[in-house]
PDB file of N, CA and C in Angstrom:
ATOM      1  N   MET A   1     112.354 -49.623 174.566  1.00  0.00           N
ATOM      2  CA  MET A   1     112.350 -48.942 173.293  1.00  0.00           C
ATOM      3  C   MET A   1     113.011 -47.573 173.470  1.00  0.00           C
ATOM      4  N   MET A   2     113.914 -47.248 172.569  1.00  0.00           N
ATOM      5  CA  MET A   2     114.610 -45.964 172.654  1.00  0.00           C
ATOM      6  C   MET A   2     113.859 -44.893 171.881  1.00  0.00           C
ATOM      7  N   THR A   3     113.938 -43.694 172.368  1.00  0.00           N
ATOM      8  CA  THR A   3     113.345 -42.557 171.689  1.00  0.00           C
ATOM      9  C   THR A   3     114.298 -42.088 170.595  1.00  0.00           C
ATOM     10  N   GLU A   4     113.752 -41.700 169.480  1.00  0.00           N
ATOM     11  CA  GLU A   4     114.559 -41.230 168.362  1.00  0.00           C
ATOM     12  C   GLU A   4     115.173 -39.863 168.681  1.00  0.00           C
ATOM     13  N   LEU A   5     116.453 -39.704 168.352  1.00  0.00           N
ATOM     14  CA  LEU A   5     117.125 -38.425 168.528  1.00  0.00           C
ATOM     15  C   LEU A   5     116.599 -37.462 167.478  1.00  0.00           C
ATOM     16  N   ARG A   6     116.010 -36.374 167.907  1.00  0.00           N
ATOM     17  CA  ARG A   6     115.364 -35.455 166.979  1.00  0.00           C
ATOM     18  C   ARG A   6     116.207 -34.241 166.645  1.00  0.00           C
ATOM     19  N   ASP A   7     117.067 -33.832 167.542  1.00  0.00           N
ATOM     20  CA  ASP A   7     117.837 -32.618 167.295  1.00  0.00           C
ATOM     21  C   ASP A   7     119.129 -32.681 168.085  1.00  0.00           C
ATOM     22  N   LYS A   8     120.182 -32.217 167.458  1.00  0.00           N
ATOM     23  CA  LYS A   8     121.479 -32.158 168.133  1.00  0.00           C
ATOM     24  C   LYS A   8     122.207 -30.932 167.603  1.00  0.00           C
ATOM     25  N   ARG A   9     122.817 -30.183 168.504  1.00  0.00           N
ATOM     26  CA  ARG A   9     123.622 -29.029 168.116  1.00  0.00           C
ATOM     27  C   ARG A   9     124.916 -29.062 168.918  1.00  0.00           C
ATOM     28  N   VAL A  10     126.007 -28.840 168.250  1.00  0.00           N
ATOM     29  CA  VAL A  10     127.309 -28.816 168.906  1.00  0.00           C
ATOM     30  C   VAL A  10     127.879 -27.417 168.756  1.00  0.00           C
ATOM     31  N   THR A  11     128.196 -26.816 169.866  1.00  0.00           N
ATOM     32  CA  THR A  11     128.789 -25.492 169.880  1.00  0.00           C
ATOM     33  C   THR A  11     129.969 -25.521 170.830  1.00  0.00           C
ATOM     34  N   HIS A  12     131.068 -24.975 170.402  1.00  0.00           N
ATOM     35  CA  HIS A  12     132.228 -24.904 171.279  1.00  0.00           C
ATOM     36  C   HIS A  12     132.101 -23.647 172.128  1.00  0.00           C
ATOM     37  N   VAL A  13     132.073 -23.849 173.427  1.00  0.00           N
ATOM     38  CA  VAL A  13     131.866 -22.735 174.347  1.00  0.00           C
ATOM     39  C   VAL A  13     133.004 -22.677 175.359  1.00  0.00           C
ATOM     40  N   GLY A  14     133.146 -21.534 175.971  1.00  0.00           N
ATOM     41  CA  GLY A  14     134.167 -21.363 177.005  1.00  0.00           C
ATOM     42  C   GLY A  14     133.592 -21.674 178.371  1.00  0.00           C
ATOM     43  N   VAL A  15     133.768 -22.897 178.821  1.00  0.00           N
ATOM     44  CA  VAL A  15     133.333 -23.262 180.181  1.00  0.00           C
ATOM     45  C   VAL A  15     134.317 -22.628 181.156  1.00  0.00           C
ATOM     46  N   ARG A  16     133.792 -22.065 182.230  1.00  0.00           N
ATOM     47  CA  ARG A  16     134.614 -21.362 183.215  1.00  0.00           C
ATOM     48  C   ARG A  16     134.472 -22.026 184.576  1.00  0.00           C
ATOM     49  N   PHE A  17     135.558 -22.032 185.319  1.00  0.00           N
ATOM     50  CA  PHE A  17     135.564 -22.560 186.676  1.00  0.00           C
ATOM     51  C   PHE A  17     136.049 -21.459 187.613  1.00  0.00           C
ATOM     52  N   TYR A  18     135.341 -21.281 188.711  1.00  0.00           N
ATOM     53  CA  TYR A  18     135.689 -20.266 189.705  1.00  0.00           C
ATOM     54  C   TYR A  18     135.697 -20.899 191.089  1.00  0.00           C
ATOM     55  N   ARG A  19     136.551 -20.369 191.948  1.00  0.00           N
ATOM     56  CA  ARG A  19     136.558 -20.760 193.366  1.00  0.00           C
ATOM     57  C   ARG A  19     136.664 -19.485 194.181  1.00  0.00           C
ATOM     58  N   ALA A  20     135.742 -19.328 195.108  1.00  0.00           N
ATOM     59  CA  ALA A  20     135.776 -18.198 196.037  1.00  0.00           C
ATOM     60  C   ALA A  20     135.422 -18.737 197.411  1.00  0.00           C
ATOM     61  N   GLY A  21     136.379 -18.692 198.325  1.00  0.00           N
ATOM     62  CA  GLY A  21     136.143 -19.277 199.646  1.00  0.00           C
ATOM     63  C   GLY A  21     135.868 -20.759 199.509  1.00  0.00           C
ATOM     64  N   SER A  22     134.737 -21.196 200.024  1.00  0.00           N
ATOM     65  CA  SER A  22     134.380 -22.615 199.956  1.00  0.00           C
ATOM     66  C   SER A  22     133.427 -22.930 198.800  1.00  0.00           C
ATOM     67  N   VAL A  23     133.189 -21.949 197.921  1.00  0.00           N
ATOM     68  CA  VAL A  23     132.234 -22.131 196.829  1.00  0.00           C
ATOM     69  C   VAL A  23     132.993 -22.374 195.527  1.00  0.00           C
ATOM     70  N   ASP A  24     132.778 -23.547 194.926  1.00  0.00           N
ATOM     71  CA  ASP A  24     133.338 -23.892 193.623  1.00  0.00           C
ATOM     72  C   ASP A  24     132.202 -23.888 192.613  1.00  0.00           C
ATOM     73  N   VAL A  25     132.378 -23.113 191.539  1.00  0.00           N
ATOM     74  CA  VAL A  25     131.311 -22.901 190.564  1.00  0.00           C
ATOM     75  C   VAL A  25     131.833 -23.188 189.161  1.00  0.00           C
ATOM     76  N   MET A  26     130.982 -23.801 188.354  1.00  0.00           N
ATOM     77  CA  MET A  26     131.259 -23.966 186.929  1.00  0.00           C
ATOM     78  C   MET A  26     130.191 -23.198 186.164  1.00  0.00           C
ATOM     79  N   LEU A  27     130.608 -22.428 185.155  1.00  0.00           N
ATOM     80  CA  LEU A  27     129.681 -21.682 184.303  1.00  0.00           C
ATOM     81  C   LEU A  27     129.768 -22.187 182.875  1.00  0.00           C
ATOM     82  N   VAL A  28     128.615 -22.441 182.284  1.00  0.00           N
ATOM     83  CA  VAL A  28     128.536 -22.786 180.874  1.00  0.00           C
ATOM     84  C   VAL A  28     127.670 -21.725 180.213  1.00  0.00           C
ATOM     85  N   PRO A  29     128.219 -20.971 179.248  1.00  0.00           N
ATOM     86  CA  PRO A  29     127.401 -19.949 178.600  1.00  0.00           C
ATOM     87  C   PRO A  29     126.227 -20.582 177.857  1.00  0.00           C
ATOM     88  N   LEU A  30     125.064 -19.986 177.998  1.00  0.00           N
ATOM     89  CA  LEU A  30     123.879 -20.453 177.274  1.00  0.00           C
ATOM     90  C   LEU A  30     123.682 -19.506 176.090  1.00  0.00           C
ATOM     91  N   LEU A  31     124.171 -19.934 174.966  1.00  0.00           N
ATOM     92  CA  LEU A  31     124.190 -19.109 173.763  1.00  0.00           C
ATOM     93  C   LEU A  31     122.832 -19.099 173.079  1.00  0.00           C
ATOM     94  N   ASP A  32     122.641 -18.109 172.208  1.00  0.00           N
ATOM     95  CA  ASP A  32     121.392 -18.032 171.446  1.00  0.00           C
ATOM     96  C   ASP A  32     121.120 -19.328 170.685  1.00  0.00           C
ATOM     97  N   GLU A  33     122.195 -19.990 170.239  1.00  0.00           N
ATOM     98  CA  GLU A  33     122.028 -21.241 169.489  1.00  0.00           C
ATOM     99  C   GLU A  33     121.399 -22.349 170.324  1.00  0.00           C
ATOM    100  N   THR A  34     121.466 -22.236 171.638  1.00  0.00           N
ATOM    101  CA  THR A  34     120.911 -23.274 172.513  1.00  0.00           C
ATOM    102  C   THR A  34     119.535 -22.913 173.042  1.00  0.00           C
ATOM    103  N   ALA A  35     118.967 -21.821 172.557  1.00  0.00           N
ATOM    104  CA  ALA A  35     117.687 -21.344 173.088  1.00  0.00           C
ATOM    105  C   ALA A  35     116.577 -22.384 172.993  1.00  0.00           C
ATOM    106  N   ALA A  36     116.624 -23.246 171.994  1.00  0.00           N
ATOM    107  CA  ALA A  36     115.590 -24.268 171.851  1.00  0.00           C
ATOM    108  C   ALA A  36     115.675 -25.318 172.959  1.00  0.00           C
ATOM    109  N   PHE A  37     116.811 -25.405 173.646  1.00  0.00           N
ATOM    110  CA  PHE A  37     117.013 -26.439 174.651  1.00  0.00           C
ATOM    111  C   PHE A  37     116.882 -25.932 176.080  1.00  0.00           C
ATOM    112  N   THR A  38     116.823 -24.643 176.265  1.00  0.00           N
ATOM    113  CA  THR A  38     116.730 -24.082 177.612  1.00  0.00           C
ATOM    114  C   THR A  38     115.911 -22.807 177.574  1.00  0.00           C
ATOM    115  N   ARG A  39     115.254 -22.517 178.657  1.00  0.00           N
ATOM    116  CA  ARG A  39     114.405 -21.323 178.647  1.00  0.00           C
ATOM    117  C   ARG A  39     115.222 -20.046 178.758  1.00  0.00           C
ATOM    118  N   GLY A  40     116.425 -20.110 179.261  1.00  0.00           N
ATOM    119  CA  GLY A  40     117.269 -18.926 179.368  1.00  0.00           C
ATOM    120  C   GLY A  40     118.460 -19.053 178.443  1.00  0.00           C
ATOM    121  N   ALA A  41     118.583 -18.172 177.476  1.00  0.00           N
ATOM    122  CA  ALA A  41     119.731 -18.192 176.584  1.00  0.00           C
ATOM    123  C   ALA A  41     119.963 -16.789 176.061  1.00  0.00           C
ATOM    124  N   GLY A  42     121.182 -16.537 175.672  1.00  0.00           N
ATOM    125  CA  GLY A  42     121.543 -15.236 175.150  1.00  0.00           C
ATOM    126  C   GLY A  42     122.529 -14.535 176.057  1.00  0.00           C
ATOM    127  N   ASP A  43     122.751 -13.277 175.795  1.00  0.00           N
ATOM    128  CA  ASP A  43     123.732 -12.501 176.553  1.00  0.00           C
ATOM    129  C   ASP A  43     123.439 -12.527 178.040  1.00  0.00           C
ATOM    130  N   GLY A  44     124.445 -12.909 178.810  1.00  0.00           N
ATOM    131  CA  GLY A  44     124.319 -12.879 180.262  1.00  0.00           C
ATOM    132  C   GLY A  44     123.861 -14.172 180.897  1.00  0.00           C
ATOM    133  N   TYR A  45     123.307 -15.102 180.109  1.00  0.00           N
ATOM    134  CA  TYR A  45     122.793 -16.346 180.692  1.00  0.00           C
ATOM    135  C   TYR A  45     123.879 -17.418 180.747  1.00  0.00           C
ATOM    136  N   PHE A  46     123.952 -18.068 181.901  1.00  0.00           N
ATOM    137  CA  PHE A  46     124.891 -19.165 182.118  1.00  0.00           C
ATOM    138  C   PHE A  46     124.186 -20.277 182.870  1.00  0.00           C
ATOM    139  N   LEU A  47     124.562 -21.503 182.565  1.00  0.00           N
ATOM    140  CA  LEU A  47     124.180 -22.613 183.420  1.00  0.00           C
ATOM    141  C   LEU A  47     125.208 -22.603 184.546  1.00  0.00           C
ATOM    142  N   VAL A  48     124.756 -22.354 185.748  1.00  0.00           N
ATOM    143  CA  VAL A  48     125.623 -22.264 186.926  1.00  0.00           C
ATOM    144  C   VAL A  48     125.509 -23.583 187.670  1.00  0.00           C
ATOM    145  N   ALA A  49     126.621 -24.275 187.823  1.00  0.00           N
ATOM    146  CA  ALA A  49     126.640 -25.547 188.541  1.00  0.00           C
ATOM    147  C   ALA A  49     127.567 -25.416 189.744  1.00  0.00           C
ATOM    148  N   LEU A  50     127.099 -25.879 190.886  1.00  0.00           N
ATOM    149  CA  LEU A  50     127.907 -25.872 192.101  1.00  0.00           C
ATOM    150  C   LEU A  50     128.676 -27.183 192.147  1.00  0.00           C
ATOM    151  N   LEU A  51     129.976 -27.108 192.002  1.00  0.00           N
ATOM    152  CA  LEU A  51     130.807 -28.311 191.941  1.00  0.00           C
ATOM    153  C   LEU A  51     130.838 -29.016 193.290  1.00  0.00           C
ATOM    154  N   GLY A  52     130.754 -30.321 193.246  1.00  0.00           N
ATOM    155  CA  GLY A  52     130.757 -31.112 194.465  1.00  0.00           C
ATOM    156  C   GLY A  52     129.394 -31.234 195.118  1.00  0.00           C
ATOM    157  N   GLU A  53     128.381 -30.648 194.510  1.00  0.00           N
ATOM    158  CA  GLU A  53     127.020 -30.689 195.049  1.00  0.00           C
ATOM    159  C   GLU A  53     126.095 -31.250 193.968  1.00  0.00           C
ATOM    160  N   PRO A  54     125.854 -32.551 193.952  1.00  0.00           N
ATOM    161  CA  PRO A  54     125.031 -33.157 192.889  1.00  0.00           C
ATOM    162  C   PRO A  54     123.646 -32.514 192.789  1.00  0.00           C
ATOM    163  N   GLY A  55     123.216 -32.327 191.569  1.00  0.00           N
ATOM    164  CA  GLY A  55     121.872 -31.795 191.335  1.00  0.00           C
ATOM    165  C   GLY A  55     121.730 -30.318 191.569  1.00  0.00           C
ATOM    166  N   THR A  56     122.843 -29.590 191.628  1.00  0.00           N
ATOM    167  CA  THR A  56     122.759 -28.151 191.876  1.00  0.00           C
ATOM    168  C   THR A  56     123.255 -27.391 190.657  1.00  0.00           C
ATOM    169  N   ALA A  57     122.396 -27.289 189.660  1.00  0.00           N
ATOM    170  CA  ALA A  57     122.685 -26.490 188.474  1.00  0.00           C
ATOM    171  C   ALA A  57     121.412 -25.753 188.089  1.00  0.00           C
ATOM    172  N   TYR A  58     121.581 -24.499 187.671  1.00  0.00           N
ATOM    173  CA  TYR A  58     120.416 -23.700 187.319  1.00  0.00           C
ATOM    174  C   TYR A  58     120.848 -22.599 186.356  1.00  0.00           C
ATOM    175  N   PRO A  59     120.019 -22.291 185.343  1.00  0.00           N
ATOM    176  CA  PRO A  59     120.379 -21.190 184.439  1.00  0.00           C
ATOM    177  C   PRO A  59     120.106 -19.839 185.103  1.00  0.00           C
ATOM    178  N   LEU A  60     121.100 -18.962 185.057  1.00  0.00           N
ATOM    179  CA  LEU A  60     120.972 -17.631 185.645  1.00  0.00           C
ATOM    180  C   LEU A  60     121.447 -16.571 184.656  1.00  0.00           C
ATOM    181  N   ASP A  61     120.807 -15.426 184.705  1.00  0.00           N
ATOM    182  CA  ASP A  61     121.246 -14.255 183.951  1.00  0.00           C
ATOM    183  C   ASP A  61     122.148 -13.452 184.876  1.00  0.00           C
ATOM    184  N   LEU A  62     123.455 -13.594 184.705  1.00  0.00           N
ATOM    185  CA  LEU A  62     124.390 -12.938 185.609  1.00  0.00           C
ATOM    186  C   LEU A  62     124.528 -11.443 185.336  1.00  0.00           C
ATOM    187  N   SER A  63     123.773 -10.939 184.357  1.00  0.00           N
ATOM    188  CA  SER A  63     123.746  -9.488 184.148  1.00  0.00           C
ATOM    189  C   SER A  63     122.564  -8.854 184.880  1.00  0.00           C
ATOM    190  N   SER A  64     121.746  -9.688 185.549  1.00  0.00           N
ATOM    191  CA  SER A  64     120.567  -9.200 186.262  1.00  0.00           C
ATOM    192  C   SER A  64     120.799  -9.222 187.773  1.00  0.00           C
ATOM    193  N   PRO A  65     120.599  -8.089 188.452  1.00  0.00           N
ATOM    194  CA  PRO A  65     120.766  -8.058 189.916  1.00  0.00           C
ATOM    195  C   PRO A  65     119.845  -9.039 190.651  1.00  0.00           C
ATOM    196  N   ALA A  66     118.723  -9.388 190.068  1.00  0.00           N
ATOM    197  CA  ALA A  66     117.796 -10.330 190.716  1.00  0.00           C
ATOM    198  C   ALA A  66     118.418 -11.711 190.897  1.00  0.00           C
ATOM    199  N   SER A  67     119.424 -12.039 190.096  1.00  0.00           N
ATOM    200  CA  SER A  67     120.068 -13.349 190.181  1.00  0.00           C
ATOM    201  C   SER A  67     120.937 -13.512 191.421  1.00  0.00           C
ATOM    202  N   PHE A  68     121.139 -12.441 192.175  1.00  0.00           N
ATOM    203  CA  PHE A  68     122.020 -12.495 193.344  1.00  0.00           C
ATOM    204  C   PHE A  68     121.262 -12.456 194.667  1.00  0.00           C
ATOM    205  N   ASP A  69     119.960 -12.627 194.616  1.00  0.00           N
ATOM    206  CA  ASP A  69     119.156 -12.626 195.831  1.00  0.00           C
ATOM    207  C   ASP A  69     119.358 -13.955 196.565  1.00  0.00           C
ATOM    208  N   PRO A  70     119.833 -13.930 197.819  1.00  0.00           N
ATOM    209  CA  PRO A  70     120.108 -15.173 198.545  1.00  0.00           C
ATOM    210  C   PRO A  70     118.895 -16.102 198.667  1.00  0.00           C
ATOM    211  N   GLU A  71     117.710 -15.565 198.898  1.00  0.00           N
ATOM    212  CA  GLU A  71     116.523 -16.425 199.027  1.00  0.00           C
ATOM    213  C   GLU A  71     116.196 -17.109 197.691  1.00  0.00           C
ATOM    214  N   TYR A  72     116.325 -16.356 196.603  1.00  0.00           N
ATOM    215  CA  TYR A  72     116.091 -16.914 195.267  1.00  0.00           C
ATOM    216  C   TYR A  72     117.093 -18.043 194.988  1.00  0.00           C
ATOM    217  N   LEU A  73     118.373 -17.791 195.299  1.00  0.00           N
ATOM    218  CA  LEU A  73     119.408 -18.802 195.073  1.00  0.00           C
ATOM    219  C   LEU A  73     119.188 -20.031 195.940  1.00  0.00           C
ATOM    220  N   ALA A  74     118.789 -19.831 197.189  1.00  0.00           N
ATOM    221  CA  ALA A  74     118.531 -20.966 198.084  1.00  0.00           C
ATOM    222  C   ALA A  74     117.433 -21.859 197.522  1.00  0.00           C
ATOM    223  N   ALA A  75     116.394 -21.242 196.963  1.00  0.00           N
ATOM    224  CA  ALA A  75     115.287 -22.022 196.406  1.00  0.00           C
ATOM    225  C   ALA A  75     115.692 -22.725 195.108  1.00  0.00           C
ATOM    226  N   LYS A  76     116.342 -22.007 194.209  1.00  0.00           N
ATOM    227  CA  LYS A  76     116.687 -22.578 192.903  1.00  0.00           C
ATOM    228  C   LYS A  76     117.747 -23.657 192.995  1.00  0.00           C
ATOM    229  N   PHE A  77     118.711 -23.498 193.895  1.00  0.00           N
ATOM    230  CA  PHE A  77     119.770 -24.489 194.051  1.00  0.00           C
ATOM    231  C   PHE A  77     119.485 -25.472 195.183  1.00  0.00           C
ATOM    232  N   ARG A  78     118.300 -25.352 195.799  1.00  0.00           N
ATOM    233  CA  ARG A  78     117.870 -26.239 196.885  1.00  0.00           C
ATOM    234  C   ARG A  78     118.903 -26.301 198.011  1.00  0.00           C
ATOM    235  N   LEU A  79     119.385 -25.143 198.407  1.00  0.00           N
ATOM    236  CA  LEU A  79     120.439 -25.091 199.422  1.00  0.00           C
ATOM    237  C   LEU A  79     119.946 -25.408 200.821  1.00  0.00           C
ATOM    238  N   ASP A  80     118.642 -25.518 201.006  1.00  0.00           N
ATOM    239  CA  ASP A  80     118.128 -25.815 202.339  1.00  0.00           C
ATOM    240  C   ASP A  80     117.903 -27.302 202.562  1.00  0.00           C
ATOM    241  N   ARG A  81     118.142 -28.139 201.562  1.00  0.00           N
ATOM    242  CA  ARG A  81     117.786 -29.555 201.684  1.00  0.00           C
ATOM    243  C   ARG A  81     118.794 -30.386 202.449  1.00  0.00           C
ATOM    244  N   ARG A  82     120.015 -29.900 202.611  1.00  0.00           N
ATOM    245  CA  ARG A  82     121.013 -30.630 203.397  1.00  0.00           C
ATOM    246  C   ARG A  82     122.153 -29.682 203.728  1.00  0.00           C
ATOM    247  N   GLY A  83     123.065 -30.138 204.509  1.00  0.00           N
ATOM    248  CA  GLY A  83     124.162 -29.276 204.914  1.00  0.00           C
ATOM    249  C   GLY A  83     125.111 -28.963 203.771  1.00  0.00           C
ATOM    250  N   TYR A  84     125.401 -27.717 203.564  1.00  0.00           N
ATOM    251  CA  TYR A  84     126.354 -27.276 202.562  1.00  0.00           C
ATOM    252  C   TYR A  84     127.521 -26.611 203.258  1.00  0.00           C
ATOM    253  N   GLY A  85     128.618 -26.491 202.549  1.00  0.00           N
ATOM    254  CA  GLY A  85     129.790 -25.841 203.099  1.00  0.00           C
ATOM    255  C   GLY A  85     129.727 -24.331 202.971  1.00  0.00           C
ATOM    256  N   PHE A  86     128.594 -23.806 202.499  1.00  0.00           N
ATOM    257  CA  PHE A  86     128.440 -22.359 202.338  1.00  0.00           C
ATOM    258  C   PHE A  86     126.973 -21.996 202.445  1.00  0.00           C
ATOM    259  N   THR A  87     126.723 -20.718 202.635  1.00  0.00           N
ATOM    260  CA  THR A  87     125.354 -20.212 202.788  1.00  0.00           C
ATOM    261  C   THR A  87     124.871 -19.598 201.468  1.00  0.00           C
ATOM    262  N   PRO A  88     123.571 -19.378 201.337  1.00  0.00           N
ATOM    263  CA  PRO A  88     123.065 -18.680 200.145  1.00  0.00           C
ATOM    264  C   PRO A  88     123.688 -17.286 199.993  1.00  0.00           C
ATOM    265  N   GLU A  89     123.980 -16.630 201.103  1.00  0.00           N
ATOM    266  CA  GLU A  89     124.622 -15.313 201.046  1.00  0.00           C
ATOM    267  C   GLU A  89     126.026 -15.411 200.464  1.00  0.00           C
ATOM    268  N   GLU A  90     126.758 -16.470 200.836  1.00  0.00           N
ATOM    269  CA  GLU A  90     128.100 -16.672 200.273  1.00  0.00           C
ATOM    270  C   GLU A  90     128.025 -16.969 198.780  1.00  0.00           C
ATOM    271  N   LEU A  91     127.025 -17.747 198.360  1.00  0.00           N
ATOM    272  CA  LEU A  91     126.846 -18.016 196.939  1.00  0.00           C
ATOM    273  C   LEU A  91     126.525 -16.725 196.200  1.00  0.00           C
ATOM    274  N   ALA A  92     125.647 -15.898 196.761  1.00  0.00           N
ATOM    275  CA  ALA A  92     125.287 -14.624 196.134  1.00  0.00           C
ATOM    276  C   ALA A  92     126.522 -13.741 195.981  1.00  0.00           C
ATOM    277  N   SER A  93     127.337 -13.670 197.005  1.00  0.00           N
ATOM    278  CA  SER A  93     128.559 -12.868 196.956  1.00  0.00           C
ATOM    279  C   SER A  93     129.514 -13.390 195.880  1.00  0.00           C
ATOM    280  N   THR A  94     129.674 -14.703 195.826  1.00  0.00           N
ATOM    281  CA  THR A  94     130.538 -15.319 194.812  1.00  0.00           C
ATOM    282  C   THR A  94     130.037 -14.991 193.412  1.00  0.00           C
ATOM    283  N   LEU A  95     128.735 -15.107 193.192  1.00  0.00           N
ATOM    284  CA  LEU A  95     128.180 -14.818 191.866  1.00  0.00           C
ATOM    285  C   LEU A  95     128.344 -13.342 191.500  1.00  0.00           C
ATOM    286  N   ARG A  96     128.260 -12.453 192.481  1.00  0.00           N
ATOM    287  CA  ARG A  96     128.509 -11.029 192.201  1.00  0.00           C
ATOM    288  C   ARG A  96     129.947 -10.811 191.735  1.00  0.00           C
ATOM    289  N   HIS A  97     130.905 -11.474 192.398  1.00  0.00           N
ATOM    290  CA  HIS A  97     132.310 -11.366 191.997  1.00  0.00           C
ATOM    291  C   HIS A  97     132.510 -11.931 190.587  1.00  0.00           C
ATOM    292  N   ILE A  98     131.857 -13.035 190.297  1.00  0.00           N
ATOM    293  CA  ILE A  98     131.959 -13.633 188.963  1.00  0.00           C
ATOM    294  C   ILE A  98     131.384 -12.677 187.915  1.00  0.00           C
ATOM    295  N   ALA A  99     130.233 -12.081 188.209  1.00  0.00           N
ATOM    296  CA  ALA A  99     129.618 -11.133 187.269  1.00  0.00           C
ATOM    297  C   ALA A  99     130.544  -9.937 187.041  1.00  0.00           C
ATOM    298  N   ASP A 100     131.203  -9.460 188.090  1.00  0.00           N
ATOM    299  CA  ASP A 100     132.171  -8.368 187.941  1.00  0.00           C
ATOM    300  C   ASP A 100     133.326  -8.792 187.034  1.00  0.00           C
ATOM    301  N   ASP A 101     133.807 -10.018 187.218  1.00  0.00           N
ATOM    302  CA  ASP A 101     134.892 -10.535 186.382  1.00  0.00           C
ATOM    303  C   ASP A 101     134.451 -10.623 184.914  1.00  0.00           C
ATOM    304  N   LEU A 102     133.233 -11.082 184.685  1.00  0.00           N
ATOM    305  CA  LEU A 102     132.726 -11.172 183.313  1.00  0.00           C
ATOM    306  C   LEU A 102     132.630  -9.788 182.678  1.00  0.00           C
ATOM    307  N   ARG A 103     132.164  -8.805 183.448  1.00  0.00           N
ATOM    308  CA  ARG A 103     132.082  -7.428 182.919  1.00  0.00           C
ATOM    309  C   ARG A 103     133.465  -6.879 182.603  1.00  0.00           C
ATOM    310  N   SER A 104     134.446  -7.183 183.434  1.00  0.00           N
ATOM    311  CA  SER A 104     135.811  -6.695 183.169  1.00  0.00           C
ATOM    312  C   SER A 104     136.374  -7.330 181.895  1.00  0.00           C
ATOM    313  N   GLU A 105     136.057  -8.605 181.651  1.00  0.00           N
ATOM    314  CA  GLU A 105     136.483  -9.249 180.405  1.00  0.00           C
ATOM    315  C   GLU A 105     135.822  -8.586 179.195  1.00  0.00           C
ATOM    316  N   GLU A 106     134.549  -8.239 179.332  1.00  0.00           N
ATOM    317  CA  GLU A 106     133.852  -7.574 178.234  1.00  0.00           C
ATOM    318  C   GLU A 106     134.508  -6.231 177.906  1.00  0.00           C
ATOM    319  N   ARG A 107     134.937  -5.511 178.943  1.00  0.00           N
ATOM    320  CA  ARG A 107     135.609  -4.223 178.708  1.00  0.00           C
ATOM    321  C   ARG A 107     136.928  -4.418 177.966  1.00  0.00           C
ATOM    322  N   LEU A 108     137.634  -5.530 178.222  1.00  0.00           N
ATOM    323  CA  LEU A 108     138.892  -5.811 177.519  1.00  0.00           C
ATOM    324  C   LEU A 108     138.640  -6.098 176.038  1.00  0.00           C
ATOM    325  N   ASP A 109     137.499  -6.729 175.749  1.00  0.00           N
ATOM    326  CA  ASP A 109     137.158  -7.059 174.360  1.00  0.00           C
ATOM    327  C   ASP A 109     136.730  -5.832 173.565  1.00  0.00           C
ATOM    328  N   GLY A 110     136.217  -4.803 174.258  1.00  0.00           N
ATOM    329  CA  GLY A 110     135.630  -3.642 173.609  1.00  0.00           C
ATOM    330  C   GLY A 110     136.590  -2.631 173.142  1.00  0.00           C
TER     331      GLY A 110
END
């Protein structure tokens, strides 16, 4: 038996792809319109997915310094469960560079 579809929202968003060293990342902005579907939404929140690593996606506020803590990232992305081509520290560094890039884009818009 199928469950009835109760809600659907379509929003066109700017999905971003980044590569830094051996870390490939996809970002999907989590807009206010999607707040009902995810606990993190609004300015600064992105669904961060590690490309080539199944099951490694997590919503992060890239405007918050707490999102770049290597231990936090290792736990949220389960980086200790098998061999990866990068360390939690490399992921943290990559996310810092991405956050800097996002801030520079915001300055261009302003």
